[in-house]
Amino acid sequence: MRTMIRSAAALVTATAAVFALSGTADAQPADVWAGCPDGAVCIYPQDQNPAVKPSNIYYSYGAHNLSNQFGRHWVLNNQYGGATASLCTGSGGRGCGNPIAQGTGVYADLTPINSIALNRP
């Protein structure tokens, strides 16, 4: 009787492990927003409306120079902890406009924009 109980317990444990591992293999993080990963700021291709798949993804704080970004683009701030992002007319994060709050986005003309700054909270 004990052998049967141990065998049944081992089978249940093995089955649960297989389901747990196979269930997460294809799962995406719950906080992906329009293809923009959690903790990132994303720029989407020109005139892609609605935003579906980003063309530029930024994770690190500080300024990031842009090149060949013209016309209207979605810029989504999917950072957390109160971090903001700013679009800047100068390179190296100079001449920045109003910050984009976490969990929000703007549909902006990037023609005059030369950099994007990811700001610590």
PDB file of N, CA and C in Angstrom:
ATOM      1  N   MET A   1       0.828  -1.199   0.000  1.00  0.00           N
ATOM      2  CA  MET A   1       0.000   0.000   0.000  1.00  0.00           C
ATOM      3  C   MET A   1       0.870   1.260   0.000  1.00  0.00           C
ATOM      4  N   ARG A   2       1.935   1.269   0.822  1.00  0.00           N
ATOM      5  CA  ARG A   2       2.820   2.429   0.871  1.00  0.00           C
ATOM      6  C   ARG A   2       3.508   2.644  -0.475  1.00  0.00           C
ATOM      7  N   THR A   3       3.884   1.573  -1.128  1.00  0.00           N
ATOM      8  CA  THR A   3       4.537   1.670  -2.427  1.00  0.00           C
ATOM      9  C   THR A   3       3.610   2.313  -3.436  1.00  0.00           C
ATOM     10  N   MET A   4       2.324   1.949  -3.422  1.00  0.00           N
ATOM     11  CA  MET A   4       1.356   2.544  -4.343  1.00  0.00           C
ATOM     12  C   MET A   4       1.189   4.031  -4.060  1.00  0.00           C
ATOM     13  N   ILE A   5       1.136   4.426  -2.805  1.00  0.00           N
ATOM     14  CA  ILE A   5       0.962   5.834  -2.450  1.00  0.00           C
ATOM     15  C   ILE A   5       2.183   6.637  -2.889  1.00  0.00           C
ATOM     16  N   ARG A   6       3.385   6.084  -2.637  1.00  0.00           N
ATOM     17  CA  ARG A   6       4.607   6.770  -3.054  1.00  0.00           C
ATOM     18  C   ARG A   6       4.669   6.903  -4.575  1.00  0.00           C
ATOM     19  N   SER A   7       4.296   5.852  -5.279  1.00  0.00           N
ATOM     20  CA  SER A   7       4.301   5.889  -6.743  1.00  0.00           C
ATOM     21  C   SER A   7       3.309   6.923  -7.263  1.00  0.00           C
ATOM     22  N   ALA A   8       2.129   6.958  -6.679  1.00  0.00           N
ATOM     23  CA  ALA A   8       1.115   7.923  -7.089  1.00  0.00           C
ATOM     24  C   ALA A   8       1.593   9.351  -6.794  1.00  0.00           C
ATOM     25  N   ALA A   9       2.208   9.575  -5.640  1.00  0.00           N
ATOM     26  CA  ALA A   9       2.721  10.902  -5.282  1.00  0.00           C
ATOM     27  C   ALA A   9       3.832  11.327  -6.242  1.00  0.00           C
ATOM     28  N   ALA A  10       4.707  10.405  -6.601  1.00  0.00           N
ATOM     29  CA  ALA A  10       5.784  10.706  -7.540  1.00  0.00           C
ATOM     30  C   ALA A  10       5.219  11.057  -8.913  1.00  0.00           C
ATOM     31  N   LEU A  11       4.192  10.322  -9.351  1.00  0.00           N
ATOM     32  CA  LEU A  11       3.573  10.593 -10.640  1.00  0.00           C
ATOM     33  C   LEU A  11       2.910  11.974 -10.647  1.00  0.00           C
ATOM     34  N   VAL A  12       2.200  12.320  -9.581  1.00  0.00           N
ATOM     35  CA  VAL A  12       1.549  13.626  -9.492  1.00  0.00           C
ATOM     36  C   VAL A  12       2.593  14.742  -9.499  1.00  0.00           C
ATOM     37  N   THR A  13       3.674  14.568  -8.757  1.00  0.00           N
ATOM     38  CA  THR A  13       4.737  15.576  -8.710  1.00  0.00           C
ATOM     39  C   THR A  13       5.391  15.747 -10.079  1.00  0.00           C
ATOM     40  N   ALA A  14       5.693  14.659 -10.751  1.00  0.00           N
ATOM     41  CA  ALA A  14       6.315  14.729 -12.069  1.00  0.00           C
ATOM     42  C   ALA A  14       5.384  15.389 -13.080  1.00  0.00           C
ATOM     43  N   THR A  15       4.109  15.054 -13.033  1.00  0.00           N
ATOM     44  CA  THR A  15       3.135  15.642 -13.950  1.00  0.00           C
ATOM     45  C   THR A  15       3.008  17.142 -13.709  1.00  0.00           C
ATOM     46  N   ALA A  16       2.961  17.546 -12.450  1.00  0.00           N
ATOM     47  CA  ALA A  16       2.858  18.975 -12.123  1.00  0.00           C
ATOM     48  C   ALA A  16       4.087  19.731 -12.619  1.00  0.00           C
ATOM     49  N   ALA A  17       5.257  19.131 -12.489  1.00  0.00           N
ATOM     50  CA  ALA A  17       6.491  19.780 -12.957  1.00  0.00           C
ATOM     51  C   ALA A  17       6.484  19.949 -14.467  1.00  0.00           C
ATOM     52  N   VAL A  18       6.036  18.940 -15.188  1.00  0.00           N
ATOM     53  CA  VAL A  18       5.974  19.032 -16.644  1.00  0.00           C
ATOM     54  C   VAL A  18       5.014  20.132 -17.070  1.00  0.00           C
ATOM     55  N   PHE A  19       3.837  20.207 -16.457  1.00  0.00           N
ATOM     56  CA  PHE A  19       2.879  21.254 -16.806  1.00  0.00           C
ATOM     57  C   PHE A  19       3.411  22.626 -16.447  1.00  0.00           C
ATOM     58  N   ALA A  20       4.056  22.760 -15.320  1.00  0.00           N
ATOM     59  CA  ALA A  20       4.599  24.055 -14.912  1.00  0.00           C
ATOM     60  C   ALA A  20       5.670  24.532 -15.878  1.00  0.00           C
ATOM     61  N   LEU A  21       6.546  23.646 -16.303  1.00  0.00           N
ATOM     62  CA  LEU A  21       7.615  24.030 -17.217  1.00  0.00           C
ATOM     63  C   LEU A  21       7.096  24.293 -18.619  1.00  0.00           C
ATOM     64  N   SER A  22       6.180  23.495 -19.092  1.00  0.00           N
ATOM     65  CA  SER A  22       5.685  23.691 -20.452  1.00  0.00           C
ATOM     66  C   SER A  22       4.763  24.892 -20.547  1.00  0.00           C
ATOM     67  N   GLY A  23       4.095  25.265 -19.499  1.00  0.00           N
ATOM     68  CA  GLY A  23       3.183  26.405 -19.521  1.00  0.00           C
ATOM     69  C   GLY A  23       3.891  27.734 -19.631  1.00  0.00           C
ATOM     70  N   THR A  24       5.149  27.835 -19.188  1.00  0.00           N
ATOM     71  CA  THR A  24       5.843  29.116 -19.219  1.00  0.00           C
ATOM     72  C   THR A  24       6.795  29.249 -20.399  1.00  0.00           C
ATOM     73  N   ALA A  25       6.977  28.249 -21.178  1.00  0.00           N
ATOM     74  CA  ALA A  25       7.954  28.301 -22.263  1.00  0.00           C
ATOM     75  C   ALA A  25       7.621  29.371 -23.297  1.00  0.00           C
ATOM     76  N   ASP A  26       6.349  29.556 -23.620  1.00  0.00           N
ATOM     77  CA  ASP A  26       5.964  30.522 -24.634  1.00  0.00           C
ATOM     78  C   ASP A  26       5.331  31.780 -24.046  1.00  0.00           C
ATOM     79  N   ALA A  27       5.293  31.895 -22.757  1.00  0.00           N
ATOM     80  CA  ALA A  27       4.639  33.040 -22.127  1.00  0.00           C
ATOM     81  C   ALA A  27       5.470  34.302 -22.307  1.00  0.00           C
ATOM     82  N   GLN A  28       4.793  35.436 -22.515  1.00  0.00           N
ATOM     83  CA  GLN A  28       5.446  36.728 -22.581  1.00  0.00           C
ATOM     84  C   GLN A  28       5.218  37.450 -21.267  1.00  0.00           C
ATOM     85  N   PRO A  29       6.103  38.387 -20.915  1.00  0.00           N
ATOM     86  CA  PRO A  29       5.873  39.160 -19.703  1.00  0.00           C
ATOM     87  C   PRO A  29       4.527  39.864 -19.777  1.00  0.00           C
ATOM     88  N   ALA A  30       3.873  39.977 -18.648  1.00  0.00           N
ATOM     89  CA  ALA A  30       2.545  40.562 -18.608  1.00  0.00           C
ATOM     90  C   ALA A  30       2.569  42.053 -18.909  1.00  0.00           C
ATOM     91  N   ASP A  31       3.717  42.703 -18.790  1.00  0.00           N
ATOM     92  CA  ASP A  31       3.778  44.140 -18.936  1.00  0.00           C
ATOM     93  C   ASP A  31       4.277  44.611 -20.295  1.00  0.00           C
ATOM     94  N   VAL A  32       4.299  43.748 -21.301  1.00  0.00           N
ATOM     95  CA  VAL A  32       4.638  44.190 -22.648  1.00  0.00           C
ATOM     96  C   VAL A  32       3.472  45.036 -23.153  1.00  0.00           C
ATOM     97  N   TRP A  33       3.800  46.206 -23.677  1.00  0.00           N
ATOM     98  CA  TRP A  33       2.768  47.143 -24.132  1.00  0.00           C
ATOM     99  C   TRP A  33       3.057  47.479 -25.587  1.00  0.00           C
ATOM    100  N   ALA A  34       2.203  47.070 -26.490  1.00  0.00           N
ATOM    101  CA  ALA A  34       2.344  47.323 -27.929  1.00  0.00           C
ATOM    102  C   ALA A  34       3.721  46.893 -28.431  1.00  0.00           C
ATOM    103  N   GLY A  35       4.206  45.780 -27.914  1.00  0.00           N
ATOM    104  CA  GLY A  35       5.514  45.276 -28.317  1.00  0.00           C
ATOM    105  C   GLY A  35       6.686  45.905 -27.583  1.00  0.00           C
ATOM    106  N   CYS A  36       6.427  46.848 -26.706  1.00  0.00           N
ATOM    107  CA  CYS A  36       7.484  47.535 -25.946  1.00  0.00           C
ATOM    108  C   CYS A  36       7.688  46.799 -24.619  1.00  0.00           C
ATOM    109  N   PRO A  37       8.877  46.244 -24.395  1.00  0.00           N
ATOM    110  CA  PRO A  37       9.115  45.464 -23.177  1.00  0.00           C
ATOM    111  C   PRO A  37       9.012  46.299 -21.901  1.00  0.00           C
ATOM    112  N   ASP A  38       8.704  45.630 -20.820  1.00  0.00           N
ATOM    113  CA  ASP A  38       8.648  46.258 -19.508  1.00  0.00           C
ATOM    114  C   ASP A  38      10.007  46.882 -19.191  1.00  0.00           C
ATOM    115  N   GLY A  39      10.017  48.129 -18.750  1.00  0.00           N
ATOM    116  CA  GLY A  39      11.249  48.816 -18.383  1.00  0.00           C
ATOM    117  C   GLY A  39      11.903  49.567 -19.529  1.00  0.00           C
ATOM    118  N   ALA A  40      11.289  49.609 -20.688  1.00  0.00           N
ATOM    119  CA  ALA A  40      11.903  50.234 -21.861  1.00  0.00           C
ATOM    120  C   ALA A  40      11.111  51.454 -22.332  1.00  0.00           C
ATOM    121  N   VAL A  41      11.769  52.246 -23.172  1.00  0.00           N
ATOM    122  CA  VAL A  41      11.119  53.309 -23.933  1.00  0.00           C
ATOM    123  C   VAL A  41      11.273  52.927 -25.393  1.00  0.00           C
ATOM    124  N   CYS A  42      10.180  52.994 -26.148  1.00  0.00           N
ATOM    125  CA  CYS A  42      10.192  52.511 -27.527  1.00  0.00           C
ATOM    126  C   CYS A  42       9.755  53.590 -28.505  1.00  0.00           C
ATOM    127  N   ILE A  43      10.424  53.598 -29.640  1.00  0.00           N
ATOM    128  CA  ILE A  43      10.031  54.437 -30.769  1.00  0.00           C
ATOM    129  C   ILE A  43       9.569  53.487 -31.880  1.00  0.00           C
ATOM    130  N   TYR A  44       8.462  53.844 -32.514  1.00  0.00           N
ATOM    131  CA  TYR A  44       7.860  53.012 -33.556  1.00  0.00           C
ATOM    132  C   TYR A  44       8.130  53.625 -34.927  1.00  0.00           C
ATOM    133  N   PRO A  45       8.042  52.830 -35.976  1.00  0.00           N
ATOM    134  CA  PRO A  45       8.283  53.351 -37.319  1.00  0.00           C
ATOM    135  C   PRO A  45       7.342  54.516 -37.662  1.00  0.00           C
ATOM    136  N   GLN A  46       7.800  55.354 -38.576  1.00  0.00           N
ATOM    137  CA  GLN A  46       7.032  56.515 -39.001  1.00  0.00           C
ATOM    138  C   GLN A  46       5.636  56.111 -39.446  1.00  0.00           C
ATOM    139  N   ASP A  47       4.656  56.846 -38.951  1.00  0.00           N
ATOM    140  CA  ASP A  47       3.243  56.696 -39.294  1.00  0.00           C
ATOM    141  C   ASP A  47       2.655  55.328 -38.955  1.00  0.00           C
ATOM    142  N   GLN A  48       3.298  54.551 -38.106  1.00  0.00           N
ATOM    143  CA  GLN A  48       2.695  53.288 -37.652  1.00  0.00           C
ATOM    144  C   GLN A  48       1.676  53.639 -36.569  1.00  0.00           C
ATOM    145  N   ASN A  49       0.415  53.618 -36.956  1.00  0.00           N
ATOM    146  CA  ASN A  49      -0.638  54.033 -36.038  1.00  0.00           C
ATOM    147  C   ASN A  49      -1.822  53.094 -36.207  1.00  0.00           C
ATOM    148  N   PRO A  50      -2.091  52.248 -35.212  1.00  0.00           N
ATOM    149  CA  PRO A  50      -1.545  52.265 -33.860  1.00  0.00           C
ATOM    150  C   PRO A  50      -0.154  51.633 -33.794  1.00  0.00           C
ATOM    151  N   ALA A  51       0.516  51.913 -32.684  1.00  0.00           N
ATOM    152  CA  ALA A  51       1.845  51.358 -32.439  1.00  0.00           C
ATOM    153  C   ALA A  51       1.728  49.844 -32.257  1.00  0.00           C
ATOM    154  N   VAL A  52       2.534  49.101 -33.015  1.00  0.00           N
ATOM    155  CA  VAL A  52       2.463  47.647 -32.961  1.00  0.00           C
ATOM    156  C   VAL A  52       3.829  47.031 -32.659  1.00  0.00           C
ATOM    157  N   LYS A  53       4.835  47.382 -33.459  1.00  0.00           N
ATOM    158  CA  LYS A  53       6.162  46.787 -33.309  1.00  0.00           C
ATOM    159  C   LYS A  53       7.212  47.897 -33.321  1.00  0.00           C
ATOM    160  N   PRO A  54       7.954  48.078 -32.211  1.00  0.00           N
ATOM    161  CA  PRO A  54       8.921  49.174 -32.145  1.00  0.00           C
ATOM    162  C   PRO A  54      10.113  48.964 -33.078  1.00  0.00           C
ATOM    163  N   SER A  55      10.657  50.083 -33.547  1.00  0.00           N
ATOM    164  CA  SER A  55      11.872  50.039 -34.355  1.00  0.00           C
ATOM    165  C   SER A  55      13.103  50.361 -33.508  1.00  0.00           C
ATOM    166  N   ASN A  56      12.912  51.071 -32.402  1.00  0.00           N
ATOM    167  CA  ASN A  56      14.002  51.411 -31.488  1.00  0.00           C
ATOM    168  C   ASN A  56      13.532  51.142 -30.060  1.00  0.00           C
ATOM    169  N   ILE A  57      14.385  50.465 -29.279  1.00  0.00           N
ATOM    170  CA  ILE A  57      14.074  50.147 -27.887  1.00  0.00           C
ATOM    171  C   ILE A  57      15.245  50.606 -27.029  1.00  0.00           C
ATOM    172  N   TYR A  58      14.949  51.381 -25.994  1.00  0.00           N
ATOM    173  CA  TYR A  58      15.982  51.917 -25.097  1.00  0.00           C
ATOM    174  C   TYR A  58      15.699  51.468 -23.667  1.00  0.00           C
ATOM    175  N   TYR A  59      16.740  50.977 -23.002  1.00  0.00           N
ATOM    176  CA  TYR A  59      16.617  50.511 -21.617  1.00  0.00           C
ATOM    177  C   TYR A  59      17.403  51.357 -20.622  1.00  0.00           C
ATOM    178  N   SER A  60      18.526  51.912 -21.033  1.00  0.00           N
ATOM    179  CA  SER A  60      19.433  52.551 -20.073  1.00  0.00           C
ATOM    180  C   SER A  60      19.127  54.037 -19.905  1.00  0.00           C
ATOM    181  N   TYR A  61      19.279  54.514 -18.664  1.00  0.00           N
ATOM    182  CA  TYR A  61      19.082  55.925 -18.371  1.00  0.00           C
ATOM    183  C   TYR A  61      20.133  56.752 -19.096  1.00  0.00           C
ATOM    184  N   GLY A  62      19.782  57.995 -19.371  1.00  0.00           N
ATOM    185  CA  GLY A  62      20.687  58.908 -20.042  1.00  0.00           C
ATOM    186  C   GLY A  62      20.189  59.232 -21.435  1.00  0.00           C
ATOM    187  N   ALA A  63      21.033  59.951 -22.169  1.00  0.00           N
ATOM    188  CA  ALA A  63      20.671  60.405 -23.506  1.00  0.00           C
ATOM    189  C   ALA A  63      21.065  59.383 -24.568  1.00  0.00           C
ATOM    190  N   HIS A  64      20.231  59.282 -25.571  1.00  0.00           N
ATOM    191  CA  HIS A  64      20.471  58.410 -26.721  1.00  0.00           C
ATOM    192  C   HIS A  64      20.228  59.251 -27.974  1.00  0.00           C
ATOM    193  N   ASN A  65      21.263  59.429 -28.778  1.00  0.00           N
ATOM    194  CA  ASN A  65      21.120  60.203 -30.012  1.00  0.00           C
ATOM    195  C   ASN A  65      20.314  59.415 -31.037  1.00  0.00           C
ATOM    196  N   LEU A  66      19.491  60.133 -31.784  1.00  0.00           N
ATOM    197  CA  LEU A  66      18.653  59.534 -32.826  1.00  0.00           C
ATOM    198  C   LEU A  66      19.223  59.874 -34.193  1.00  0.00           C
ATOM    199  N   SER A  67      18.986  59.016 -35.148  1.00  0.00           N
ATOM    200  CA  SER A  67      19.354  59.318 -36.529  1.00  0.00           C
ATOM    201  C   SER A  67      18.276  58.778 -37.456  1.00  0.00           C
ATOM    202  N   ASN A  68      18.055  59.509 -38.532  1.00  0.00           N
ATOM    203  CA  ASN A  68      17.075  59.116 -39.553  1.00  0.00           C
ATOM    204  C   ASN A  68      15.676  58.902 -38.998  1.00  0.00           C
ATOM    205  N   GLN A  69      15.263  59.760 -38.098  1.00  0.00           N
ATOM    206  CA  GLN A  69      13.899  59.710 -37.561  1.00  0.00           C
ATOM    207  C   GLN A  69      13.180  60.974 -38.021  1.00  0.00           C
ATOM    208  N   PHE A  70      12.296  60.822 -38.991  1.00  0.00           N
ATOM    209  CA  PHE A  70      11.570  61.951 -39.549  1.00  0.00           C
ATOM    210  C   PHE A  70      10.077  61.663 -39.494  1.00  0.00           C
ATOM    211  N   GLY A  71       9.274  62.703 -39.447  1.00  0.00           N
ATOM    212  CA  GLY A  71       7.830  62.542 -39.443  1.00  0.00           C
ATOM    213  C   GLY A  71       7.302  62.093 -38.086  1.00  0.00           C
ATOM    214  N   ARG A  72       6.052  61.664 -38.094  1.00  0.00           N
ATOM    215  CA  ARG A  72       5.356  61.336 -36.844  1.00  0.00           C
ATOM    216  C   ARG A  72       5.600  59.880 -36.441  1.00  0.00           C
ATOM    217  N   HIS A  73       5.909  59.714 -35.161  1.00  0.00           N
ATOM    218  CA  HIS A  73       6.186  58.405 -34.580  1.00  0.00           C
ATOM    219  C   HIS A  73       5.522  58.329 -33.205  1.00  0.00           C
ATOM    220  N   TRP A  74       5.111  57.137 -32.832  1.00  0.00           N
ATOM    221  CA  TRP A  74       4.717  56.893 -31.449  1.00  0.00           C
ATOM    222  C   TRP A  74       5.977  56.693 -30.627  1.00  0.00           C
ATOM    223  N   VAL A  75       5.995  57.298 -29.451  1.00  0.00           N
ATOM    224  CA  VAL A  75       7.055  57.090 -28.460  1.00  0.00           C
ATOM    225  C   VAL A  75       6.344  56.675 -27.177  1.00  0.00           C
ATOM    226  N   LEU A  76       6.571  55.433 -26.740  1.00  0.00           N
ATOM    227  CA  LEU A  76       5.899  54.910 -25.545  1.00  0.00           C
ATOM    228  C   LEU A  76       6.911  54.732 -24.422  1.00  0.00           C
ATOM    229  N   ASN A  77       6.539  55.196 -23.231  1.00  0.00           N
ATOM    230  CA  ASN A  77       7.372  55.043 -22.051  1.00  0.00           C
ATOM    231  C   ASN A  77       6.810  53.904 -21.212  1.00  0.00           C
ATOM    232  N   ASN A  78       7.425  52.730 -21.317  1.00  0.00           N
ATOM    233  CA  ASN A  78       6.988  51.558 -20.556  1.00  0.00           C
ATOM    234  C   ASN A  78       7.951  51.275 -19.396  1.00  0.00           C
ATOM    235  N   GLN A  79       8.578  52.353 -18.882  1.00  0.00           N
ATOM    236  CA  GLN A  79       9.445  52.214 -17.712  1.00  0.00           C
ATOM    237  C   GLN A  79       8.571  52.104 -16.467  1.00  0.00           C
ATOM    238  N   TYR A  80       9.195  51.899 -15.340  1.00  0.00           N
ATOM    239  CA  TYR A  80       8.464  51.776 -14.083  1.00  0.00           C
ATOM    240  C   TYR A  80       9.169  52.580 -13.006  1.00  0.00           C
ATOM    241  N   GLY A  81       8.552  52.658 -11.835  1.00  0.00           N
ATOM    242  CA  GLY A  81       9.152  53.360 -10.706  1.00  0.00           C
ATOM    243  C   GLY A  81       9.159  54.871 -10.842  1.00  0.00           C
ATOM    244  N   GLY A  82       8.354  55.424 -11.737  1.00  0.00           N
ATOM    245  CA  GLY A  82       8.286  56.870 -11.907  1.00  0.00           C
ATOM    246  C   GLY A  82       9.283  57.440 -12.903  1.00  0.00           C
ATOM    247  N   ALA A  83      10.022  56.581 -13.627  1.00  0.00           N
ATOM    248  CA  ALA A  83      10.988  57.065 -14.620  1.00  0.00           C
ATOM    249  C   ALA A  83      10.266  57.730 -15.788  1.00  0.00           C
ATOM    250  N   THR A  84      10.859  58.799 -16.299  1.00  0.00           N
ATOM    251  CA  THR A  84      10.279  59.518 -17.426  1.00  0.00           C
ATOM    252  C   THR A  84      11.222  59.461 -18.621  1.00  0.00           C
ATOM    253  N   ALA A  85      10.729  59.934 -19.747  1.00  0.00           N
ATOM    254  CA  ALA A  85      11.532  60.063 -20.962  1.00  0.00           C
ATOM    255  C   ALA A  85      11.270  61.450 -21.541  1.00  0.00           C
ATOM    256  N   SER A  86      12.268  62.006 -22.215  1.00  0.00           N
ATOM    257  CA  SER A  86      12.119  63.329 -22.818  1.00  0.00           C
ATOM    258  C   SER A  86      12.651  63.307 -24.243  1.00  0.00           C
ATOM    259  N   LEU A  87      11.949  64.010 -25.125  1.00  0.00           N
ATOM    260  CA  LEU A  87      12.415  64.208 -26.490  1.00  0.00           C
ATOM    261  C   LEU A  87      13.196  65.513 -26.508  1.00  0.00           C
ATOM    262  N   CYS A  88      14.382  65.499 -27.118  1.00  0.00           N
ATOM    263  CA  CYS A  88      15.294  66.639 -27.052  1.00  0.00           C
ATOM    264  C   CYS A  88      15.695  67.086 -28.453  1.00  0.00           C
ATOM    265  N   THR A  89      15.735  68.396 -28.656  1.00  0.00           N
ATOM    266  CA  THR A  89      16.112  68.933 -29.961  1.00  0.00           C
ATOM    267  C   THR A  89      17.623  68.904 -30.176  1.00  0.00           C
ATOM    268  N   GLY A  90      18.389  68.897 -29.118  1.00  0.00           N
ATOM    269  CA  GLY A  90      19.839  68.834 -29.235  1.00  0.00           C
ATOM    270  C   GLY A  90      20.342  67.415 -29.055  1.00  0.00           C
ATOM    271  N   SER A  91      21.555  67.182 -29.522  1.00  0.00           N
ATOM    272  CA  SER A  91      22.151  65.864 -29.302  1.00  0.00           C
ATOM    273  C   SER A  91      22.600  65.746 -27.849  1.00  0.00           C
ATOM    274  N   GLY A  92      22.806  64.545 -27.393  1.00  0.00           N
ATOM    275  CA  GLY A  92      23.268  64.318 -26.029  1.00  0.00           C
ATOM    276  C   GLY A  92      22.290  64.722 -24.953  1.00  0.00           C
ATOM    277  N   GLY A  93      21.014  64.802 -25.283  1.00  0.00           N
ATOM    278  CA  GLY A  93      20.002  65.111 -24.275  1.00  0.00           C
ATOM    279  C   GLY A  93      19.887  66.588 -23.929  1.00  0.00           C
ATOM    280  N   ARG A  94      20.270  67.480 -24.835  1.00  0.00           N
ATOM    281  CA  ARG A  94      20.135  68.924 -24.598  1.00  0.00           C
ATOM    282  C   ARG A  94      18.858  69.435 -25.257  1.00  0.00           C
ATOM    283  N   GLY A  95      18.260  70.454 -24.635  1.00  0.00           N
ATOM    284  CA  GLY A  95      17.063  71.067 -25.188  1.00  0.00           C
ATOM    285  C   GLY A  95      15.846  70.168 -25.125  1.00  0.00           C
ATOM    286  N   CYS A  96      15.642  69.550 -23.981  1.00  0.00           N
ATOM    287  CA  CYS A  96      14.547  68.577 -23.834  1.00  0.00           C
ATOM    288  C   CYS A  96      13.215  69.255 -23.544  1.00  0.00           C
ATOM    289  N   GLY A  97      12.163  68.655 -24.046  1.00  0.00           N
ATOM    290  CA  GLY A  97      10.803  69.127 -23.807  1.00  0.00           C
ATOM    291  C   GLY A  97      10.225  68.507 -22.545  1.00  0.00           C
ATOM    292  N   ASN A  98       8.925  68.618 -22.411  1.00  0.00           N
ATOM    293  CA  ASN A  98       8.230  68.075 -21.246  1.00  0.00           C
ATOM    294  C   ASN A  98       8.442  66.567 -21.149  1.00  0.00           C
ATOM    295  N   PRO A  99       8.621  66.070 -19.925  1.00  0.00           N
ATOM    296  CA  PRO A  99       8.829  64.622 -19.771  1.00  0.00           C
ATOM    297  C   PRO A  99       7.574  63.818 -20.100  1.00  0.00           C
ATOM    298  N   ILE A 100       7.816  62.639 -20.625  1.00  0.00           N
ATOM    299  CA  ILE A 100       6.742  61.677 -20.909  1.00  0.00           C
ATOM    300  C   ILE A 100       6.675  60.753 -19.698  1.00  0.00           C
ATOM    301  N   ALA A 101       5.561  60.754 -18.992  1.00  0.00           N
ATOM    302  CA  ALA A 101       5.414  59.955 -17.775  1.00  0.00           C
ATOM    303  C   ALA A 101       5.376  58.468 -18.100  1.00  0.00           C
ATOM    304  N   GLN A 102       5.725  57.647 -17.113  1.00  0.00           N
ATOM    305  CA  GLN A 102       5.650  56.196 -17.303  1.00  0.00           C
ATOM    306  C   GLN A 102       4.225  55.799 -17.639  1.00  0.00           C
ATOM    307  N   GLY A 103       4.099  54.795 -18.498  1.00  0.00           N
ATOM    308  CA  GLY A 103       2.779  54.293 -18.873  1.00  0.00           C
ATOM    309  C   GLY A 103       2.038  55.188 -19.839  1.00  0.00           C
ATOM    310  N   THR A 104       2.728  56.176 -20.428  1.00  0.00           N
ATOM    311  CA  THR A 104       2.080  57.045 -21.412  1.00  0.00           C
ATOM    312  C   THR A 104       2.933  57.115 -22.671  1.00  0.00           C
ATOM    313  N   GLY A 105       2.346  57.662 -23.699  1.00  0.00           N
ATOM    314  CA  GLY A 105       3.055  57.809 -24.952  1.00  0.00           C
ATOM    315  C   GLY A 105       2.645  59.083 -25.646  1.00  0.00           C
ATOM    316  N   VAL A 106       3.437  59.465 -26.631  1.00  0.00           N
ATOM    317  CA  VAL A 106       3.130  60.635 -27.441  1.00  0.00           C
ATOM    318  C   VAL A 106       3.282  60.254 -28.906  1.00  0.00           C
ATOM    319  N   TYR A 107       2.484  60.888 -29.741  1.00  0.00           N
ATOM    320  CA  TYR A 107       2.599  60.733 -31.194  1.00  0.00           C
ATOM    321  C   TYR A 107       3.220  62.031 -31.664  1.00  0.00           C
ATOM    322  N   ALA A 108       4.532  62.022 -31.880  1.00  0.00           N
ATOM    323  CA  ALA A 108       5.280  63.248 -32.080  1.00  0.00           C
ATOM    324  C   ALA A 108       5.994  63.284 -33.416  1.00  0.00           C
ATOM    325  N   ASP A 109       6.208  64.503 -33.912  1.00  0.00           N
ATOM    326  CA  ASP A 109       7.036  64.718 -35.096  1.00  0.00           C
ATOM    327  C   ASP A 109       8.487  64.683 -34.639  1.00  0.00           C
ATOM    328  N   LEU A 110       9.229  63.677 -35.063  1.00  0.00           N
ATOM    329  CA  LEU A 110      10.618  63.531 -34.639  1.00  0.00           C
ATOM    330  C   LEU A 110      11.605  64.239 -35.561  1.00  0.00           C
ATOM    331  N   THR A 111      11.119  64.956 -36.589  1.00  0.00           N
ATOM    332  CA  THR A 111      12.025  65.646 -37.501  1.00  0.00           C
ATOM    333  C   THR A 111      12.967  66.598 -36.753  1.00  0.00           C
ATOM    334  N   PRO A 112      12.469  67.422 -35.805  1.00  0.00           N
ATOM    335  CA  PRO A 112      13.399  68.317 -35.093  1.00  0.00           C
ATOM    336  C   PRO A 112      14.075  67.668 -33.878  1.00  0.00           C
ATOM    337  N   ILE A 113      13.783  66.406 -33.610  1.00  0.00           N
ATOM    338  CA  ILE A 113      14.300  65.728 -32.418  1.00  0.00           C
ATOM    339  C   ILE A 113      15.617  65.028 -32.762  1.00  0.00           C
ATOM    340  N   ASN A 114      16.641  65.274 -31.952  1.00  0.00           N
ATOM    341  CA  ASN A 114      17.950  64.673 -32.194  1.00  0.00           C
ATOM    342  C   ASN A 114      18.358  63.665 -31.131  1.00  0.00           C
ATOM    343  N   SER A 115      17.641  63.642 -30.007  1.00  0.00           N
ATOM    344  CA  SER A 115      17.982  62.650 -28.975  1.00  0.00           C
ATOM    345  C   SER A 115      16.763  62.406 -28.098  1.00  0.00           C
ATOM    346  N   ILE A 116      16.840  61.312 -27.360  1.00  0.00           N
ATOM    347  CA  ILE A 116      15.823  60.962 -26.376  1.00  0.00           C
ATOM    348  C   ILE A 116      16.568  60.689 -25.068  1.00  0.00           C
ATOM    349  N   ALA A 117      16.005  61.195 -23.976  1.00  0.00           N
ATOM    350  CA  ALA A 117      16.637  60.997 -22.669  1.00  0.00           C
ATOM    351  C   ALA A 117      15.730  60.164 -21.795  1.00  0.00           C
ATOM    352  N   LEU A 118      16.298  59.118 -21.178  1.00  0.00           N
ATOM    353  CA  LEU A 118      15.578  58.328 -20.197  1.00  0.00           C
ATOM    354  C   LEU A 118      16.028  58.828 -18.827  1.00  0.00           C
ATOM    355  N   ASN A 119      15.063  59.328 -18.069  1.00  0.00           N
ATOM    356  CA  ASN A 119      15.345  60.027 -16.822  1.00  0.00           C
ATOM    357  C   ASN A 119      15.033  59.164 -15.608  1.00  0.00           C
ATOM    358  N   ARG A 120      15.970  59.119 -14.687  1.00  0.00           N
ATOM    359  CA  ARG A 120      15.753  58.404 -13.421  1.00  0.00           C
ATOM    360  C   ARG A 120      14.646  59.087 -12.641  1.00  0.00           C
ATOM    361  N   PRO A 121      13.908  58.304 -11.846  1.00  0.00           N
ATOM    362  CA  PRO A 121      12.846  58.920 -11.029  1.00  0.00           C
ATOM    363  C   PRO A 121      13.436  59.812  -9.945  1.00  0.00           C
TER     364      PRO A 121
END
